[in-house]
């Protein structure tokens, strides 16, 4: 897996055109968020938010009394998010998901779109996500592509060693404390939901 510096370099080079690349995935993002019981007044962390394509949709779910925070490791992505006006709907934070700059038990929802395959230590990151989730807080692992399509996009062949391979992902989630609520890999998207059933 790539180091944090390598990931930052990769996404810095792509930040300027990222919004256009993400636009095609918007219908799947909208569909997925519509299915989630995110309520007014709740706190949502969008980890690996990129240019913030989901932030306005998340703000619409939590309303004016809720809190939306978008975190990304790459400052160039956050700069694009600011240019697109996303700082008006969410707090934008640069940080590493392996060492989240948030207190314990902050989030009702931890939303991760397209994030896990890029991480050098997904087990550690999932433990950090569990730490910052409230009791019964929810984790969303989402890709607007199936696992097979995602592998093809990166010119790879799907493997049971992939972080999104169901058996491996279940082990990682349960090892971090998450209770599996849902796991689907259909032709149009990948979606896993976990619950932080603390105490």
C-alpha atoms as a PDB file:
ATOM      1  CA  UNK A   1       0.000   0.000   0.000  1.00  0.00           C
ATOM      2  CA  UNK A   2       1.081   3.544  -0.660  1.00  0.00           C
ATOM      3  CA  UNK A   3       2.433   5.777   2.065  1.00  0.00           C
ATOM      4  CA  UNK A   4       0.606   8.920   3.127  1.00  0.00           C
ATOM      5  CA  UNK A   5       3.090  11.070   1.203  1.00  0.00           C
ATOM      6  CA  UNK A   6       2.587   8.988  -1.957  1.00  0.00           C
ATOM      7  CA  UNK A   7      -1.186   9.250  -1.614  1.00  0.00           C
ATOM      8  CA  UNK A   8      -0.955  13.016  -1.161  1.00  0.00           C
ATOM      9  CA  UNK A   9       1.214  13.281  -4.268  1.00  0.00           C
ATOM     10  CA  UNK A  10      -1.164  11.115  -6.298  1.00  0.00           C
ATOM     11  CA  UNK A  11      -4.230  13.155  -5.388  1.00  0.00           C
ATOM     12  CA  UNK A  12      -2.488  16.531  -5.556  1.00  0.00           C
ATOM     13  CA  UNK A  13      -1.779  15.837  -9.227  1.00  0.00           C
ATOM     14  CA  UNK A  14      -5.463  15.014  -9.821  1.00  0.00           C
ATOM     15  CA  UNK A  15      -7.201  17.591  -7.632  1.00  0.00           C
ATOM     16  CA  UNK A  16      -7.958  20.148 -10.344  1.00  0.00           C
ATOM     17  CA  UNK A  17     -10.009  17.677 -12.408  1.00  0.00           C
ATOM     18  CA  UNK A  18     -11.417  15.580  -9.583  1.00  0.00           C
ATOM     19  CA  UNK A  19     -14.830  17.207  -9.452  1.00  0.00           C
ATOM     20  CA  UNK A  20     -15.450  16.478 -13.130  1.00  0.00           C
ATOM     21  CA  UNK A  21     -14.362  12.856 -12.645  1.00  0.00           C
ATOM     22  CA  UNK A  22     -16.683  12.505  -9.657  1.00  0.00           C
ATOM     23  CA  UNK A  23     -19.730  13.987 -11.362  1.00  0.00           C
ATOM     24  CA  UNK A  24     -20.627  10.726 -13.080  1.00  0.00           C
ATOM     25  CA  UNK A  25     -20.937   9.021  -9.710  1.00  0.00           C
ATOM     26  CA  UNK A  26     -23.404  11.544  -8.297  1.00  0.00           C
ATOM     27  CA  UNK A  27     -26.553   9.472  -8.988  1.00  0.00           C
ATOM     28  CA  UNK A  28     -25.149   6.539  -7.000  1.00  0.00           C
ATOM     29  CA  UNK A  29     -24.053   8.849  -4.185  1.00  0.00           C
ATOM     30  CA  UNK A  30     -27.533  10.396  -4.047  1.00  0.00           C
ATOM     31  CA  UNK A  31     -29.194   6.966  -4.096  1.00  0.00           C
ATOM     32  CA  UNK A  32     -27.004   5.650  -1.305  1.00  0.00           C
ATOM     33  CA  UNK A  33     -27.416   8.668   0.952  1.00  0.00           C
ATOM     34  CA  UNK A  34     -31.182   8.584   0.411  1.00  0.00           C
ATOM     35  CA  UNK A  35     -31.219   5.050   1.865  1.00  0.00           C
ATOM     36  CA  UNK A  36     -29.351   6.017   5.030  1.00  0.00           C
ATOM     37  CA  UNK A  37     -31.216   7.127   8.146  1.00  0.00           C
ATOM     38  CA  UNK A  38     -29.067  10.211   8.687  1.00  0.00           C
ATOM     39  CA  UNK A  39     -31.226  12.551  10.765  1.00  0.00           C
ATOM     40  CA  UNK A  40     -31.436  16.267  11.419  1.00  0.00           C
ATOM     41  CA  UNK A  41     -29.085  17.401  14.163  1.00  0.00           C
ATOM     42  CA  UNK A  42     -26.615  14.554  13.759  1.00  0.00           C
ATOM     43  CA  UNK A  43     -22.857  14.744  13.211  1.00  0.00           C
ATOM     44  CA  UNK A  44     -21.372  13.227  10.042  1.00  0.00           C
ATOM     45  CA  UNK A  45     -17.680  12.824   9.218  1.00  0.00           C
ATOM     46  CA  UNK A  46     -16.885  12.472   5.506  1.00  0.00           C
ATOM     47  CA  UNK A  47     -13.427  10.891   5.544  1.00  0.00           C
ATOM     48  CA  UNK A  48     -11.396  11.147   2.366  1.00  0.00           C
ATOM     49  CA  UNK A  49     -13.888  13.747   1.173  1.00  0.00           C
ATOM     50  CA  UNK A  50     -11.814  14.890  -1.808  1.00  0.00           C
ATOM     51  CA  UNK A  51     -13.403  17.954  -3.346  1.00  0.00           C
ATOM     52  CA  UNK A  52     -16.484  17.397  -1.194  1.00  0.00           C
ATOM     53  CA  UNK A  53     -18.963  16.074  -3.734  1.00  0.00           C
ATOM     54  CA  UNK A  54     -21.084  14.511  -0.947  1.00  0.00           C
ATOM     55  CA  UNK A  55     -20.894  17.370   1.543  1.00  0.00           C
ATOM     56  CA  UNK A  56     -23.930  19.341   0.354  1.00  0.00           C
ATOM     57  CA  UNK A  57     -26.015  16.162   0.312  1.00  0.00           C
ATOM     58  CA  UNK A  58     -24.910  15.345   3.852  1.00  0.00           C
ATOM     59  CA  UNK A  59     -25.709  18.881   4.991  1.00  0.00           C
ATOM     60  CA  UNK A  60     -29.209  18.525   3.549  1.00  0.00           C
ATOM     61  CA  UNK A  61     -29.669  15.373   5.655  1.00  0.00           C
ATOM     62  CA  UNK A  62     -28.509  16.832   8.990  1.00  0.00           C
ATOM     63  CA  UNK A  63     -29.973  20.306   8.471  1.00  0.00           C
ATOM     64  CA  UNK A  64     -28.832  23.517  10.088  1.00  0.00           C
ATOM     65  CA  UNK A  65     -28.632  21.936  13.547  1.00  0.00           C
ATOM     66  CA  UNK A  66     -26.307  19.134  12.455  1.00  0.00           C
ATOM     67  CA  UNK A  67     -22.565  19.086  11.910  1.00  0.00           C
ATOM     68  CA  UNK A  68     -20.754  17.974   8.748  1.00  0.00           C
ATOM     69  CA  UNK A  69     -16.977  17.652   8.662  1.00  0.00           C
ATOM     70  CA  UNK A  70     -15.017  16.787   5.545  1.00  0.00           C
ATOM     71  CA  UNK A  71     -11.514  15.439   6.121  1.00  0.00           C
ATOM     72  CA  UNK A  72      -8.905  14.752   3.470  1.00  0.00           C
ATOM     73  CA  UNK A  73      -5.175  14.118   3.595  1.00  0.00           C
ATOM     74  CA  UNK A  74      -4.507  16.261   0.525  1.00  0.00           C
ATOM     75  CA  UNK A  75      -4.600  20.027   0.864  1.00  0.00           C
ATOM     76  CA  UNK A  76      -5.045  20.479  -2.896  1.00  0.00           C
ATOM     77  CA  UNK A  77      -8.324  18.547  -2.720  1.00  0.00           C
ATOM     78  CA  UNK A  78      -9.554  20.718   0.138  1.00  0.00           C
ATOM     79  CA  UNK A  79      -8.544  23.844  -1.768  1.00  0.00           C
ATOM     80  CA  UNK A  80     -10.729  22.714  -4.659  1.00  0.00           C
ATOM     81  CA  UNK A  81     -13.543  22.065  -2.182  1.00  0.00           C
ATOM     82  CA  UNK A  82     -13.216  25.632  -0.902  1.00  0.00           C
ATOM     83  CA  UNK A  83     -13.288  27.020  -4.443  1.00  0.00           C
ATOM     84  CA  UNK A  84     -16.511  25.077  -5.015  1.00  0.00           C
ATOM     85  CA  UNK A  85     -18.106  26.640  -1.930  1.00  0.00           C
ATOM     86  CA  UNK A  86     -18.084  23.477   0.188  1.00  0.00           C
ATOM     87  CA  UNK A  87     -16.726  25.349   3.227  1.00  0.00           C
ATOM     88  CA  UNK A  88     -20.172  26.972   3.464  1.00  0.00           C
ATOM     89  CA  UNK A  89     -21.821  23.599   4.182  1.00  0.00           C
ATOM     90  CA  UNK A  90     -19.097  21.751   6.090  1.00  0.00           C
ATOM     91  CA  UNK A  91     -15.988  22.215   8.163  1.00  0.00           C
ATOM     92  CA  UNK A  92     -12.990  21.199   6.045  1.00  0.00           C
ATOM     93  CA  UNK A  93     -10.055  19.582   7.840  1.00  0.00           C
ATOM     94  CA  UNK A  94      -6.739  18.253   6.572  1.00  0.00           C
ATOM     95  CA  UNK A  95      -5.776  15.076   8.382  1.00  0.00           C
ATOM     96  CA  UNK A  96      -4.837  11.417   8.303  1.00  0.00           C
ATOM     97  CA  UNK A  97      -7.539   8.780   8.820  1.00  0.00           C
ATOM     98  CA  UNK A  98      -4.969   6.638  10.628  1.00  0.00           C
ATOM     99  CA  UNK A  99      -4.769   9.327  13.344  1.00  0.00           C
ATOM    100  CA  UNK A 100      -8.002  11.277  13.266  1.00  0.00           C
ATOM    101  CA  UNK A 101      -7.923  14.775  14.815  1.00  0.00           C
ATOM    102  CA  UNK A 102     -11.293  14.284  16.519  1.00  0.00           C
ATOM    103  CA  UNK A 103     -12.357  13.366  20.071  1.00  0.00           C
ATOM    104  CA  UNK A 104     -13.769   9.998  21.044  1.00  0.00           C
ATOM    105  CA  UNK A 105     -17.472   9.466  20.415  1.00  0.00           C
ATOM    106  CA  UNK A 106     -18.039  12.474  18.154  1.00  0.00           C
ATOM    107  CA  UNK A 107     -19.849  11.096  15.118  1.00  0.00           C
ATOM    108  CA  UNK A 108     -23.269   9.624  14.524  1.00  0.00           C
ATOM    109  CA  UNK A 109     -22.102   8.666  11.029  1.00  0.00           C
ATOM    110  CA  UNK A 110     -18.661   8.029   9.524  1.00  0.00           C
ATOM    111  CA  UNK A 111     -18.905   8.145   5.735  1.00  0.00           C
ATOM    112  CA  UNK A 112     -16.059   6.763   3.603  1.00  0.00           C
ATOM    113  CA  UNK A 113     -16.469   6.974  -0.142  1.00  0.00           C
ATOM    114  CA  UNK A 114     -13.695   5.413  -2.229  1.00  0.00           C
ATOM    115  CA  UNK A 115     -11.274   5.517   0.689  1.00  0.00           C
ATOM    116  CA  UNK A 116     -10.234   2.102   1.991  1.00  0.00           C
ATOM    117  CA  UNK A 117      -8.271   0.791  -1.029  1.00  0.00           C
ATOM    118  CA  UNK A 118      -5.932   3.781  -0.794  1.00  0.00           C
ATOM    119  CA  UNK A 119      -4.929   3.223   2.843  1.00  0.00           C
ATOM    120  CA  UNK A 120      -1.632   1.681   3.895  1.00  0.00           C
ATOM    121  CA  UNK A 121      -3.168   0.367   7.149  1.00  0.00           C
ATOM    122  CA  UNK A 122      -6.946  -0.033   6.796  1.00  0.00           C
ATOM    123  CA  UNK A 123      -7.157  -1.961  10.074  1.00  0.00           C
ATOM    124  CA  UNK A 124      -5.749   0.996  12.002  1.00  0.00           C
ATOM    125  CA  UNK A 125      -7.951   3.464  10.129  1.00  0.00           C
ATOM    126  CA  UNK A 126     -11.085   1.447  10.894  1.00  0.00           C
ATOM    127  CA  UNK A 127     -10.123   1.381  14.575  1.00  0.00           C
ATOM    128  CA  UNK A 128      -9.769   5.160  14.501  1.00  0.00           C
ATOM    129  CA  UNK A 129     -13.183   5.456  12.854  1.00  0.00           C
ATOM    130  CA  UNK A 130     -14.629   3.267  15.590  1.00  0.00           C
ATOM    131  CA  UNK A 131     -12.985   5.445  18.253  1.00  0.00           C
ATOM    132  CA  UNK A 132     -14.591   8.640  16.972  1.00  0.00           C
ATOM    133  CA  UNK A 133     -18.043   7.064  16.508  1.00  0.00           C
ATOM    134  CA  UNK A 134     -20.741   7.460  19.124  1.00  0.00           C
ATOM    135  CA  UNK A 135     -22.266   4.363  20.734  1.00  0.00           C
ATOM    136  CA  UNK A 136     -24.399   2.852  17.968  1.00  0.00           C
ATOM    137  CA  UNK A 137     -22.823   5.252  15.490  1.00  0.00           C
ATOM    138  CA  UNK A 138     -22.737   4.022  11.907  1.00  0.00           C
ATOM    139  CA  UNK A 139     -19.936   3.480   9.407  1.00  0.00           C
ATOM    140  CA  UNK A 140     -20.571   3.682   5.657  1.00  0.00           C
ATOM    141  CA  UNK A 141     -17.997   2.152   3.283  1.00  0.00           C
ATOM    142  CA  UNK A 142     -19.145   3.088  -0.205  1.00  0.00           C
ATOM    143  CA  UNK A 143     -17.916   2.945  -3.775  1.00  0.00           C
ATOM    144  CA  UNK A 144     -20.010   4.030  -6.760  1.00  0.00           C
ATOM    145  CA  UNK A 145     -18.629   0.979  -8.600  1.00  0.00           C
ATOM    146  CA  UNK A 146     -18.685  -2.747  -7.947  1.00  0.00           C
ATOM    147  CA  UNK A 147     -15.494  -4.356  -6.639  1.00  0.00           C
ATOM    148  CA  UNK A 148     -14.890  -5.956 -10.042  1.00  0.00           C
ATOM    149  CA  UNK A 149     -15.348  -2.644 -11.869  1.00  0.00           C
ATOM    150  CA  UNK A 150     -13.114  -0.879  -9.356  1.00  0.00           C
ATOM    151  CA  UNK A 151     -10.340  -3.431  -9.928  1.00  0.00           C
ATOM    152  CA  UNK A 152     -10.687  -3.051 -13.687  1.00  0.00           C
ATOM    153  CA  UNK A 153     -10.444   0.727 -13.348  1.00  0.00           C
ATOM    154  CA  UNK A 154      -7.074   0.265 -11.646  1.00  0.00           C
ATOM    155  CA  UNK A 155      -6.040  -2.398 -14.176  1.00  0.00           C
ATOM    156  CA  UNK A 156      -6.071  -5.110 -11.535  1.00  0.00           C
ATOM    157  CA  UNK A 157      -7.756  -8.463 -11.055  1.00  0.00           C
ATOM    158  CA  UNK A 158     -10.068  -8.907  -8.048  1.00  0.00           C
ATOM    159  CA  UNK A 159      -8.448 -10.900  -5.262  1.00  0.00           C
ATOM    160  CA  UNK A 160      -9.437 -12.230  -1.866  1.00  0.00           C
ATOM    161  CA  UNK A 161      -6.599 -10.053  -0.536  1.00  0.00           C
ATOM    162  CA  UNK A 162      -8.397  -6.878  -1.646  1.00  0.00           C
ATOM    163  CA  UNK A 163      -9.510  -4.715   1.257  1.00  0.00           C
ATOM    164  CA  UNK A 164     -13.039  -4.813  -0.181  1.00  0.00           C
ATOM    165  CA  UNK A 165     -13.124  -8.593  -0.614  1.00  0.00           C
ATOM    166  CA  UNK A 166     -16.095  -9.509   1.588  1.00  0.00           C
ATOM    167  CA  UNK A 167     -14.296 -12.014   3.824  1.00  0.00           C
ATOM    168  CA  UNK A 168     -11.339  -9.704   4.408  1.00  0.00           C
ATOM    169  CA  UNK A 169     -13.488  -6.620   4.953  1.00  0.00           C
ATOM    170  CA  UNK A 170     -15.646  -8.450   7.494  1.00  0.00           C
ATOM    171  CA  UNK A 171     -12.512  -9.472   9.394  1.00  0.00           C
ATOM    172  CA  UNK A 172     -11.198  -5.903   9.342  1.00  0.00           C
ATOM    173  CA  UNK A 173     -14.491  -4.381  10.452  1.00  0.00           C
ATOM    174  CA  UNK A 174     -15.077  -6.868  13.241  1.00  0.00           C
ATOM    175  CA  UNK A 175     -11.444  -6.587  14.338  1.00  0.00           C
ATOM    176  CA  UNK A 176     -11.917  -2.839  14.742  1.00  0.00           C
ATOM    177  CA  UNK A 177     -15.098  -3.297  16.790  1.00  0.00           C
ATOM    178  CA  UNK A 178     -17.731  -2.742  14.118  1.00  0.00           C
ATOM    179  CA  UNK A 179     -20.819  -4.959  13.911  1.00  0.00           C
ATOM    180  CA  UNK A 180     -21.719  -5.764  10.298  1.00  0.00           C
ATOM    181  CA  UNK A 181     -25.162  -4.465   9.375  1.00  0.00           C
ATOM    182  CA  UNK A 182     -25.075  -4.768   5.595  1.00  0.00           C
ATOM    183  CA  UNK A 183     -22.631  -5.813   2.899  1.00  0.00           C
ATOM    184  CA  UNK A 184     -23.469  -5.699  -0.793  1.00  0.00           C
ATOM    185  CA  UNK A 185     -21.434  -5.724  -3.966  1.00  0.00           C
ATOM    186  CA  UNK A 186     -23.870  -5.257  -6.807  1.00  0.00           C
ATOM    187  CA  UNK A 187     -23.051  -4.221 -10.388  1.00  0.00           C
ATOM    188  CA  UNK A 188     -23.622  -0.543  -9.645  1.00  0.00           C
ATOM    189  CA  UNK A 189     -22.002  -0.029  -6.252  1.00  0.00           C
ATOM    190  CA  UNK A 190     -20.211  -1.460  -3.241  1.00  0.00           C
ATOM    191  CA  UNK A 191     -21.761  -0.740   0.156  1.00  0.00           C
ATOM    192  CA  UNK A 192     -20.924  -1.932   3.648  1.00  0.00           C
ATOM    193  CA  UNK A 193     -22.540  -0.650   6.821  1.00  0.00           C
ATOM    194  CA  UNK A 194     -21.168  -1.159  10.306  1.00  0.00           C
ATOM    195  CA  UNK A 195     -22.525  -0.244  13.722  1.00  0.00           C
ATOM    196  CA  UNK A 196     -20.379   0.786  16.687  1.00  0.00           C
ATOM    197  CA  UNK A 197     -22.373  -1.099  19.283  1.00  0.00           C
ATOM    198  CA  UNK A 198     -20.407   0.213  22.246  1.00  0.00           C
ATOM    199  CA  UNK A 199     -21.640  -0.858  25.647  1.00  0.00           C
END
